[in-house]
């Protein structure tokens, strides 16, 4: 599926490993390693920081539920954006806008 939610940064050689395989299959190879590929014990941590649902590692059928997986990732991204902006708006304003400033837009 062609969507920004279906993109992650990975090294070119890792991308070749992933070609023509289901996400569950190549992610398992990245996690556990293969004779040609060194195991990545920090894969789960990396998936969390890149907002990739860990269910892709744990549930082989999740690879077949592309729209559901991308919607889940979209929810994670929106929640992070909200947490870093809307939820801390008062703190941001207090730290960066002088008290009494005329340039402050009110919601």
N, C-alpha and C. Protein backbone atom coordinates (compact mmCIF):
# COMPACT_ATOMS: atom_id res chain seq x y z
N UNK A 1 0.85 -1.17 0.00
CA UNK A 1 0.00 0.00 0.00
C UNK A 1 0.89 1.24 0.00
N UNK A 2 0.59 2.17 -0.87
CA UNK A 2 1.38 3.38 -0.98
C UNK A 2 0.84 4.42 0.00
N UNK A 3 1.50 4.55 1.14
CA UNK A 3 1.08 5.48 2.19
C UNK A 3 2.30 5.88 3.00
N UNK A 4 2.32 7.11 3.46
CA UNK A 4 3.43 7.56 4.31
C UNK A 4 3.49 6.70 5.58
N UNK A 5 2.37 6.16 6.00
CA UNK A 5 2.34 5.30 7.19
C UNK A 5 3.02 3.95 6.93
N UNK A 6 3.23 3.63 5.67
CA UNK A 6 3.84 2.36 5.30
C UNK A 6 5.31 2.53 4.95
N UNK A 7 5.95 3.53 5.55
CA UNK A 7 7.35 3.82 5.28
C UNK A 7 8.14 3.82 6.58
N UNK A 8 9.33 3.26 6.52
CA UNK A 8 10.29 3.35 7.61
C UNK A 8 11.68 3.50 6.99
N UNK A 9 12.56 4.13 7.72
CA UNK A 9 13.93 4.23 7.25
C UNK A 9 14.67 2.95 7.63
N UNK A 10 15.35 2.39 6.68
CA UNK A 10 16.17 1.21 6.96
C UNK A 10 17.33 1.19 5.98
N UNK A 11 18.43 0.58 6.38
CA UNK A 11 19.57 0.49 5.46
C UNK A 11 19.19 -0.24 4.18
N UNK A 12 19.88 0.10 3.11
CA UNK A 12 19.60 -0.50 1.80
C UNK A 12 19.68 -2.02 1.84
N UNK A 13 20.69 -2.56 2.52
CA UNK A 13 20.82 -4.02 2.56
C UNK A 13 19.67 -4.66 3.33
N UNK A 14 19.17 -3.98 4.36
CA UNK A 14 18.01 -4.50 5.09
C UNK A 14 16.77 -4.48 4.20
N UNK A 15 16.66 -3.45 3.39
CA UNK A 15 15.53 -3.36 2.48
C UNK A 15 15.54 -4.52 1.49
N UNK A 16 16.73 -4.92 1.04
CA UNK A 16 16.82 -6.07 0.13
C UNK A 16 16.36 -7.36 0.81
N UNK A 17 16.68 -7.50 2.10
CA UNK A 17 16.25 -8.68 2.85
C UNK A 17 14.72 -8.72 2.92
N UNK A 18 14.12 -7.53 3.07
CA UNK A 18 12.68 -7.44 3.24
C UNK A 18 11.89 -7.61 1.95
N UNK A 19 12.53 -7.43 0.82
CA UNK A 19 11.84 -7.48 -0.46
C UNK A 19 11.12 -8.82 -0.65
N UNK A 20 9.87 -8.72 -1.06
CA UNK A 20 9.03 -9.88 -1.38
C UNK A 20 8.75 -10.79 -0.18
N UNK A 21 8.87 -10.28 1.04
CA UNK A 21 8.53 -11.05 2.23
C UNK A 21 7.48 -10.29 3.02
N UNK A 22 6.68 -11.03 3.76
CA UNK A 22 5.70 -10.41 4.65
C UNK A 22 6.44 -9.75 5.81
N UNK A 23 5.90 -8.64 6.34
CA UNK A 23 6.58 -7.97 7.45
C UNK A 23 6.92 -8.91 8.62
N UNK A 24 6.00 -9.79 8.98
CA UNK A 24 6.28 -10.70 10.09
C UNK A 24 7.52 -11.54 9.81
N UNK A 25 7.66 -11.99 8.58
CA UNK A 25 8.79 -12.85 8.21
C UNK A 25 10.12 -12.10 8.27
N UNK A 26 10.22 -10.94 7.62
CA UNK A 26 11.52 -10.25 7.63
C UNK A 26 11.82 -9.61 8.97
N UNK A 27 10.80 -9.17 9.71
CA UNK A 27 11.07 -8.61 11.04
C UNK A 27 11.60 -9.69 11.98
N UNK A 28 11.06 -10.89 11.86
CA UNK A 28 11.56 -12.03 12.66
C UNK A 28 13.02 -12.31 12.31
N UNK A 29 13.35 -12.24 11.03
CA UNK A 29 14.74 -12.45 10.61
C UNK A 29 15.65 -11.37 11.20
N UNK A 30 15.18 -10.12 11.18
CA UNK A 30 15.98 -9.04 11.77
C UNK A 30 16.17 -9.27 13.27
N UNK A 31 15.11 -9.72 13.94
CA UNK A 31 15.16 -9.92 15.39
C UNK A 31 16.05 -11.11 15.76
N UNK A 32 15.86 -12.23 15.10
CA UNK A 32 16.53 -13.47 15.47
C UNK A 32 17.83 -13.72 14.72
N UNK A 33 17.97 -13.07 13.57
CA UNK A 33 19.16 -13.28 12.76
C UNK A 33 19.00 -14.47 11.83
N UNK A 34 19.86 -14.52 10.85
CA UNK A 34 19.91 -15.62 9.88
C UNK A 34 21.39 -15.90 9.64
N UNK A 35 21.72 -16.94 8.89
CA UNK A 35 23.13 -17.16 8.58
C UNK A 35 23.78 -15.96 7.87
N UNK A 36 22.97 -15.19 7.14
CA UNK A 36 23.51 -14.03 6.43
C UNK A 36 23.26 -12.70 7.15
N UNK A 37 22.44 -12.70 8.18
CA UNK A 37 22.00 -11.47 8.82
C UNK A 37 22.15 -11.57 10.33
N UNK A 38 22.87 -10.64 10.92
CA UNK A 38 23.08 -10.62 12.37
C UNK A 38 21.79 -10.26 13.11
N UNK A 39 21.51 -10.91 14.22
CA UNK A 39 20.32 -10.62 15.03
C UNK A 39 20.38 -9.19 15.57
N UNK A 40 19.22 -8.58 15.68
CA UNK A 40 19.10 -7.23 16.23
C UNK A 40 18.29 -7.30 17.53
N UNK A 41 18.96 -7.40 18.68
CA UNK A 41 18.23 -7.51 19.94
C UNK A 41 17.49 -6.23 20.32
N UNK A 42 17.76 -5.13 19.64
CA UNK A 42 17.08 -3.87 19.93
C UNK A 42 15.95 -3.56 18.95
N UNK A 43 15.53 -4.57 18.19
CA UNK A 43 14.50 -4.33 17.18
C UNK A 43 13.19 -3.86 17.80
N UNK A 44 12.74 -4.49 18.88
CA UNK A 44 11.48 -4.07 19.51
C UNK A 44 11.57 -2.61 19.96
N UNK A 45 12.67 -2.25 20.55
CA UNK A 45 12.89 -0.87 20.99
C UNK A 45 12.83 0.08 19.80
N UNK A 46 13.46 -0.30 18.72
CA UNK A 46 13.46 0.52 17.51
C UNK A 46 12.05 0.63 16.94
N UNK A 47 11.31 -0.46 16.92
CA UNK A 47 9.95 -0.43 16.42
C UNK A 47 9.09 0.52 17.26
N UNK A 48 9.27 0.48 18.57
CA UNK A 48 8.51 1.38 19.44
C UNK A 48 8.84 2.83 19.14
N UNK A 49 10.13 3.14 19.01
CA UNK A 49 10.52 4.53 18.78
C UNK A 49 10.11 5.02 17.38
N UNK A 50 9.90 4.10 16.44
CA UNK A 50 9.45 4.47 15.10
C UNK A 50 7.94 4.27 14.93
N UNK A 51 7.28 3.97 16.03
CA UNK A 51 5.82 3.82 16.05
C UNK A 51 5.32 2.75 15.09
N UNK A 52 6.08 1.66 15.00
CA UNK A 52 5.67 0.51 14.20
C UNK A 52 5.06 -0.50 15.18
N UNK A 53 3.81 -0.89 14.97
CA UNK A 53 3.15 -1.81 15.91
C UNK A 53 3.94 -3.12 16.09
N UNK A 54 4.20 -3.46 17.33
CA UNK A 54 4.94 -4.69 17.63
C UNK A 54 4.14 -5.94 17.26
N UNK A 55 2.85 -5.76 17.04
CA UNK A 55 2.04 -6.91 16.64
C UNK A 55 2.56 -7.53 15.34
N UNK A 56 3.29 -6.76 14.55
CA UNK A 56 3.88 -7.32 13.32
C UNK A 56 4.91 -8.39 13.64
N UNK A 57 5.53 -8.32 14.81
CA UNK A 57 6.49 -9.34 15.23
C UNK A 57 5.80 -10.54 15.85
N UNK A 58 4.75 -10.27 16.60
CA UNK A 58 4.15 -11.30 17.44
C UNK A 58 3.02 -12.09 16.79
N UNK A 59 2.39 -11.51 15.78
CA UNK A 59 1.22 -12.13 15.16
C UNK A 59 1.46 -12.29 13.66
N UNK A 60 1.72 -13.51 13.20
CA UNK A 60 1.97 -13.71 11.77
C UNK A 60 0.82 -13.21 10.88
N UNK A 61 -0.40 -13.26 11.38
CA UNK A 61 -1.54 -12.83 10.58
C UNK A 61 -1.63 -11.31 10.44
N UNK A 62 -0.93 -10.58 11.32
CA UNK A 62 -0.97 -9.12 11.25
C UNK A 62 -0.43 -8.60 9.92
N UNK A 63 0.50 -9.32 9.33
CA UNK A 63 1.05 -8.93 8.02
C UNK A 63 -0.03 -8.90 6.94
N UNK A 64 -1.10 -9.68 7.13
CA UNK A 64 -2.19 -9.73 6.16
C UNK A 64 -3.23 -8.64 6.40
N UNK A 65 -3.15 -7.99 7.54
CA UNK A 65 -4.11 -6.94 7.89
C UNK A 65 -3.44 -5.57 7.73
N UNK A 66 -3.10 -5.24 6.51
CA UNK A 66 -2.32 -4.04 6.21
C UNK A 66 -3.05 -2.78 6.64
N UNK A 67 -4.30 -2.62 6.24
CA UNK A 67 -5.03 -1.40 6.59
C UNK A 67 -5.14 -1.24 8.10
N UNK A 68 -5.45 -2.32 8.80
CA UNK A 68 -5.56 -2.27 10.26
C UNK A 68 -4.22 -1.86 10.89
N UNK A 69 -3.14 -2.42 10.40
CA UNK A 69 -1.82 -2.11 10.92
C UNK A 69 -1.46 -0.65 10.67
N UNK A 70 -1.76 -0.15 9.48
CA UNK A 70 -1.45 1.24 9.16
C UNK A 70 -2.33 2.20 9.95
N UNK A 71 -3.58 1.83 10.18
CA UNK A 71 -4.45 2.67 11.02
C UNK A 71 -3.90 2.73 12.45
N UNK A 72 -3.44 1.59 12.95
CA UNK A 72 -2.86 1.56 14.29
C UNK A 72 -1.63 2.47 14.36
N UNK A 73 -0.78 2.39 13.35
CA UNK A 73 0.41 3.26 13.32
C UNK A 73 -0.01 4.73 13.22
N UNK A 74 -1.02 5.01 12.44
CA UNK A 74 -1.53 6.37 12.34
C UNK A 74 -2.02 6.90 13.68
N UNK A 75 -2.72 6.05 14.43
CA UNK A 75 -3.19 6.45 15.77
C UNK A 75 -2.01 6.74 16.68
N UNK A 76 -0.97 5.92 16.61
CA UNK A 76 0.22 6.13 17.43
C UNK A 76 0.91 7.45 17.07
N UNK A 77 0.99 7.75 15.78
CA UNK A 77 1.62 8.99 15.34
C UNK A 77 0.82 10.20 15.79
N UNK A 78 -0.50 10.15 15.62
CA UNK A 78 -1.35 11.27 16.04
C UNK A 78 -1.27 11.47 17.55
N UNK A 79 -1.26 10.39 18.31
CA UNK A 79 -1.14 10.50 19.77
C UNK A 79 0.18 11.15 20.17
N UNK A 80 1.26 10.81 19.48
CA UNK A 80 2.56 11.41 19.78
C UNK A 80 2.56 12.90 19.43
N UNK A 81 2.03 13.25 18.29
CA UNK A 81 1.95 14.66 17.90
C UNK A 81 1.14 15.44 18.93
N UNK A 82 0.01 14.89 19.34
CA UNK A 82 -0.84 15.55 20.34
C UNK A 82 -0.08 15.72 21.65
N UNK A 83 0.61 14.68 22.08
CA UNK A 83 1.35 14.73 23.34
C UNK A 83 2.46 15.78 23.30
N UNK A 84 3.05 15.97 22.12
CA UNK A 84 4.17 16.90 21.99
C UNK A 84 3.73 18.33 21.66
N UNK A 85 2.44 18.52 21.39
CA UNK A 85 1.98 19.86 21.01
C UNK A 85 0.79 20.30 21.86
N UNK A 86 -0.36 19.77 21.58
CA UNK A 86 -1.60 20.19 22.23
C UNK A 86 -1.52 20.00 23.75
N UNK A 87 -1.07 18.85 24.18
CA UNK A 87 -1.05 18.55 25.62
C UNK A 87 -0.07 19.40 26.41
N UNK A 88 0.89 19.98 25.74
CA UNK A 88 1.90 20.80 26.44
C UNK A 88 1.88 22.25 25.97
N UNK A 89 0.78 22.67 25.35
CA UNK A 89 0.70 24.03 24.81
C UNK A 89 0.95 25.08 25.88
N UNK A 90 0.35 24.93 27.04
CA UNK A 90 0.55 25.93 28.10
C UNK A 90 2.01 26.02 28.51
N UNK A 91 2.68 24.89 28.62
CA UNK A 91 4.10 24.89 28.99
C UNK A 91 4.95 25.55 27.89
N UNK A 92 4.62 25.27 26.64
CA UNK A 92 5.36 25.87 25.52
C UNK A 92 5.18 27.38 25.52
N UNK A 93 3.93 27.82 25.68
CA UNK A 93 3.66 29.26 25.72
C UNK A 93 4.41 29.92 26.88
N UNK A 94 4.37 29.30 28.05
CA UNK A 94 5.03 29.88 29.23
C UNK A 94 6.54 29.98 29.02
N UNK A 95 7.11 29.02 28.34
CA UNK A 95 8.56 28.99 28.16
C UNK A 95 9.04 29.91 27.04
N UNK A 96 8.18 30.19 26.06
CA UNK A 96 8.67 30.87 24.86
C UNK A 96 7.98 32.19 24.51
N UNK A 97 6.90 32.52 25.17
CA UNK A 97 6.21 33.76 24.86
C UNK A 97 6.24 34.66 26.09
N UNK A 98 6.82 35.84 25.96
CA UNK A 98 6.89 36.74 27.11
C UNK A 98 5.50 37.11 27.62
N UNK A 99 5.38 37.23 28.92
CA UNK A 99 4.12 37.62 29.54
C UNK A 99 3.69 38.98 29.01
N UNK A 100 2.45 39.10 28.63
CA UNK A 100 1.93 40.37 28.15
C UNK A 100 2.23 40.66 26.70
N UNK A 101 2.80 39.73 25.99
CA UNK A 101 3.16 39.94 24.58
C UNK A 101 1.89 40.14 23.76
N UNK A 102 1.94 41.11 22.84
CA UNK A 102 0.80 41.39 21.95
C UNK A 102 0.74 40.40 20.81
N UNK A 103 1.81 39.65 20.58
CA UNK A 103 1.88 38.73 19.45
C UNK A 103 1.24 37.38 19.75
N UNK A 104 0.69 37.23 20.92
CA UNK A 104 0.11 35.94 21.31
C UNK A 104 -1.25 35.78 20.68
N UNK A 105 -1.41 34.75 19.92
CA UNK A 105 -2.71 34.43 19.35
C UNK A 105 -3.49 33.65 20.37
N UNK A 106 -4.73 34.01 20.56
CA UNK A 106 -5.56 33.27 21.51
C UNK A 106 -6.44 32.31 20.75
N UNK A 107 -6.56 31.11 21.27
CA UNK A 107 -7.37 30.11 20.57
C UNK A 107 -8.84 30.43 20.60
